[in-house]
Amino acid sequence: MNYLYLILSIVLLSSCAVKKDTLNVKKSDEITGNIRVVESITELDTISQDVSRYTKDIEEKLFSQKIYEKKYFRIWNIDKSKISLSTAMWADRAYRHGDTYGENLQLLKASFFDKVLDNSNYKNYLTLNKKALTIKSLNIRAIPTDKPVLRDPSKAGEGFPFDYLQNSTISANKPILISHYSKDREWVFIESSFAFGWVKSSGVVKIENKYTKLWQQAEQVFITKENIPIYSMNNDFLFKSKIGMMFALIDEDSDSYSILTVSRYKNMKPLYLKSKVKKSIAHKNRLAFNSENINKIITEVSKTNYGWGGMYSQRDCSSTLRDFYAPFGLWLPRNSSQQAKIGKVISIDGLSDSKKIDIILKNAKPFRTLLYKKGHIGLFVSNKNKKIIMYQNVWGVKTQKNGVEGRFIIGKPIFSTLEVGSNLSDYDKDASMLHKLKSISTL
């Protein structure tokens, strides 16, 4: 903890201070005579949504905080990103005019993409290579613009909320590496431990190497409660807490931890601050993976709705799992396809539904086995009475009616079977989680 006192003392001494969108929230909502018939997903009422119902027999486990910290701080321990220029520019090839739509649901023009590409300033890629820190929650964008790029909004599963420029979000006080600025300097291209792309330059601050090393040598505090305001000692609001945050410990008393937080001066220099957080919303070092703590963290991450790429301060399927495991000191990659490769992987691609169930029942471990299909991932939680229950943050259930694909919107984290929505009259069985499962992986 002396390392953190050193940081604070150094800094404080050195300064004073359109088309119609055909997506239906309820696809099967119909008028029959004078009676409105609205179908619902019955299992969401019959299957308990209380996490404690599934955690009674969890075997306690400790994950390695040392490995977690190595991955978390990785970006501060390299001199230059290994992401190639071609990879950094992937979105400039993937999305062009002619088949993409803007926020007004009209086709985007070539001039939109040309202007953004010019501003991207890729001739300066990897010329800055500065270690830095986020000072607030930021969207990580595929190209430097707040404007969305949508696929055909008249089709289910496209349009809102699926802005394809949204790579991810990154919380406040997360380590990053800055590659370069956009021409207008409103944006910086960054790499974090889990994602890369463009963020607003006003939301980052550069950190000297000596401070990044001292930071890593401190004890760490993991946030365990969502949406709690965090202030400086002068009671200035900094940001709100989010599961997945980790801070360097300065000191503690019986009720609270003093943690290192960072803002910045007007001259864009880092301003190192001391903040106090109650012990009721944080934990020194990683949590033990047991029933009590699983109940606590699942309850917190379930407070957010479904948010594609973390938009609107929400979570999607993979960020839900990533944040869930973070307080336990278990690091996961950002997207579902990468997460599915972690741990002991068993491929079940191409097998019959009944064979898939047999393999899951035999091999899956509650709250430690990931269930993956292309584009989506969830968590196995129970197989009592040979009934498989999973936890997933899902946008909706695919439907088919008169050859037209639709969605029955759920839009939040749920406990469900592998065939959630099967009671719906236009349920698409061939698109079910069970039918599309490709692999399971146990952490």
Foldseek 3Di string as FASTA:
>chain_A
DVLVVVVQVVQVVVDPDEDDQPFDLQPPFDCDPPDIDGDDQCVQVVPDFQQLVQFPPDDWDADDLVVLLCLQLVLLVDQWDPQDLCNLLVVLVVDAFDFKAWPNLDTDDRVVSVVQVLQQPSVQFQVPFFKKFFQAKWFFFSTPDPIFIWGRSNAAPTDPPCRPRGQAIDGGGGIWTWGDAGPVRQWTWIDGSFDTHITGPQGMATDDSVSSVSFSPAWKKFFQAWFCFWAFPVRHTRYTDDQLDMFGFDDDDPFWTWTWHWDADPVRHIDITIIIDTVVGMDTAADIPHSVSLSRRLVRLQVFWAHVNCPPVHHAFQVSLQSSCNSSSDHAHRFQVRRQPPAAKDWPPPPDLVVLLVVCVVDPDAQFKWWDFVRHIWGWRDCPVNFTKIKTRDQFFWFADPRGIHTNGDGGIGIDGQAGPPVDPGGDNCPTSSNRTTMMHGD
